[in-house]
Amino acid sequence: MPLRAGQKLNHYEIVEPIGKGGMGEVYRARDTKLDRDVAIKILPEAFARDKGRLERFQ
């Protein structure tokens, strides 16, 4: 699920992609509540439905 700059997820605003790998994609985002930059990792949909992979991610 590629995200675009400016797209919002709850109170996070996507700034830019940082990288991607085997477990998903990482984006730099802005936490609009705390007014600071954060990293957000997005898992592929198939991984999010796989209990073992989800537990390993958490």
C-alpha atoms as a PDB file:
ATOM      1  CA  MET A   1       0.000   0.000   0.000  1.00  0.00           C
ATOM      2  CA  PRO A   2       2.198   2.884  -1.160  1.00  0.00           C
ATOM      3  CA  LEU A   3       1.434   6.171   0.573  1.00  0.00           C
ATOM      4  CA  ARG A   4       1.743   9.685  -0.859  1.00  0.00           C
ATOM      5  CA  ALA A   5       3.236  12.804   0.678  1.00  0.00           C
ATOM      6  CA  GLY A   6       0.440  14.746   2.355  1.00  0.00           C
ATOM      7  CA  GLN A   7      -1.718  11.662   2.906  1.00  0.00           C
ATOM      8  CA  LYS A   8      -3.047  11.348   6.462  1.00  0.00           C
ATOM      9  CA  LEU A   9      -3.322   8.294   8.686  1.00  0.00           C
ATOM     10  CA  ASN A  10      -5.237   9.318  11.778  1.00  0.00           C
ATOM     11  CA  HIS A  11      -3.183  12.242  13.177  1.00  0.00           C
ATOM     12  CA  TYR A  12      -0.049  11.415  11.173  1.00  0.00           C
ATOM     13  CA  GLU A  13       0.751  13.168   7.903  1.00  0.00           C
ATOM     14  CA  ILE A  14       3.045  11.310   5.496  1.00  0.00           C
ATOM     15  CA  VAL A  15       6.118  13.346   4.501  1.00  0.00           C
ATOM     16  CA  GLU A  16       8.219  10.956   2.399  1.00  0.00           C
ATOM     17  CA  PRO A  17       9.209   7.309   1.992  1.00  0.00           C
ATOM     18  CA  ILE A  18      12.331   6.256   3.887  1.00  0.00           C
ATOM     19  CA  GLY A  19      12.754   2.710   2.603  1.00  0.00           C
ATOM     20  CA  LYS A  20      11.232  -0.700   2.058  1.00  0.00           C
ATOM     21  CA  GLY A  21      12.235  -4.256   2.677  1.00  0.00           C
ATOM     22  CA  GLY A  22      10.969  -7.716   3.480  1.00  0.00           C
ATOM     23  CA  MET A  23       8.633  -6.653   6.275  1.00  0.00           C
ATOM     24  CA  GLY A  24       7.080  -3.571   4.703  1.00  0.00           C
ATOM     25  CA  GLU A  25       7.552   0.088   3.864  1.00  0.00           C
ATOM     26  CA  VAL A  26       8.780   2.844   6.192  1.00  0.00           C
ATOM     27  CA  TYR A  27       7.744   6.486   5.899  1.00  0.00           C
ATOM     28  CA  ARG A  28       8.748   9.702   7.609  1.00  0.00           C
ATOM     29  CA  ALA A  29       5.583  11.305   8.915  1.00  0.00           C
ATOM     30  CA  ARG A  30       4.558  14.228  11.073  1.00  0.00           C
ATOM     31  CA  ASP A  31       2.648  13.577  14.296  1.00  0.00           C
ATOM     32  CA  THR A  32       0.268  16.540  14.207  1.00  0.00           C
ATOM     33  CA  LYS A  33      -0.770  16.102  17.853  1.00  0.00           C
ATOM     34  CA  LEU A  34       2.745  16.154  19.296  1.00  0.00           C
ATOM     35  CA  ASP A  35       4.257  18.281  16.505  1.00  0.00           C
ATOM     36  CA  ARG A  36       7.224  15.994  15.826  1.00  0.00           C
ATOM     37  CA  ASP A  37       8.560  13.688  13.122  1.00  0.00           C
ATOM     38  CA  VAL A  38       8.012   9.941  13.457  1.00  0.00           C
ATOM     39  CA  ALA A  39       8.678   6.813  11.409  1.00  0.00           C
ATOM     40  CA  ILE A  40       5.692   4.716  10.363  1.00  0.00           C
ATOM     41  CA  LYS A  41       6.048   1.152   9.134  1.00  0.00           C
ATOM     42  CA  ILE A  42       3.312  -0.250   6.902  1.00  0.00           C
ATOM     43  CA  LEU A  43       3.049  -4.016   6.624  1.00  0.00           C
ATOM     44  CA  PRO A  44       1.947  -5.677   3.409  1.00  0.00           C
ATOM     45  CA  GLU A  45      -1.691  -6.763   3.667  1.00  0.00           C
ATOM     46  CA  ALA A  46      -0.773 -10.458   3.559  1.00  0.00           C
ATOM     47  CA  PHE A  47       1.591 -10.012   6.526  1.00  0.00           C
ATOM     48  CA  ALA A  48      -1.012  -8.114   8.530  1.00  0.00           C
ATOM     49  CA  ARG A  49      -3.318 -11.141   8.262  1.00  0.00           C
ATOM     50  CA  ASP A  50      -0.597 -13.646   9.227  1.00  0.00           C
ATOM     51  CA  LYS A  51      -0.636 -14.093  13.010  1.00  0.00           C
ATOM     52  CA  GLY A  52       2.996 -15.254  13.233  1.00  0.00           C
ATOM     53  CA  ARG A  53       4.379 -12.382  11.162  1.00  0.00           C
ATOM     54  CA  LEU A  54       2.216  -9.864  13.002  1.00  0.00           C
ATOM     55  CA  GLU A  55       3.484 -11.128  16.380  1.00  0.00           C
ATOM     56  CA  ARG A  56       7.092 -10.904  15.137  1.00  0.00           C
ATOM     57  CA  PHE A  57       6.466  -7.335  13.975  1.00  0.00           C
ATOM     58  CA  GLN A  58       5.002  -6.299  17.308  1.00  0.00           C
END
